[in-house]
């Protein structure tokens, strides 16, 4: 958040709100936020734990070289979002098991972002 772009004010009628300190250009970024959590949605089929693209999840599919959980071919060499859970999976020896229910959902993925 750039404090030189706007001021945060408060009023009983509006609550907290921001007022621009200068004219802003269309599309100008005035603040950015980091995500609180990222991961697969509940009751999903196997997907890449880095970019969320659908993956086969089978024994021959691309996997993280450290923990063995599914990744797509493009993300195997570059892990940013999956890094935290990867470290936990390795530390606790959690292996991916592609066991899908009748709806094609992999319940093991629900442990990441339930």
Foldseek 3Di string as FASTA:
>chain_A
DDPQQWDWDADPVPGIDIDGPDDDDVPDDPDDDDDPADADDAQAAAAARAPRHHWPQDPPADAAPQQGGDHHPVCNVPHDRCVVVSVVCNVVVPHDDRDADPVNGRRVRVVRPD
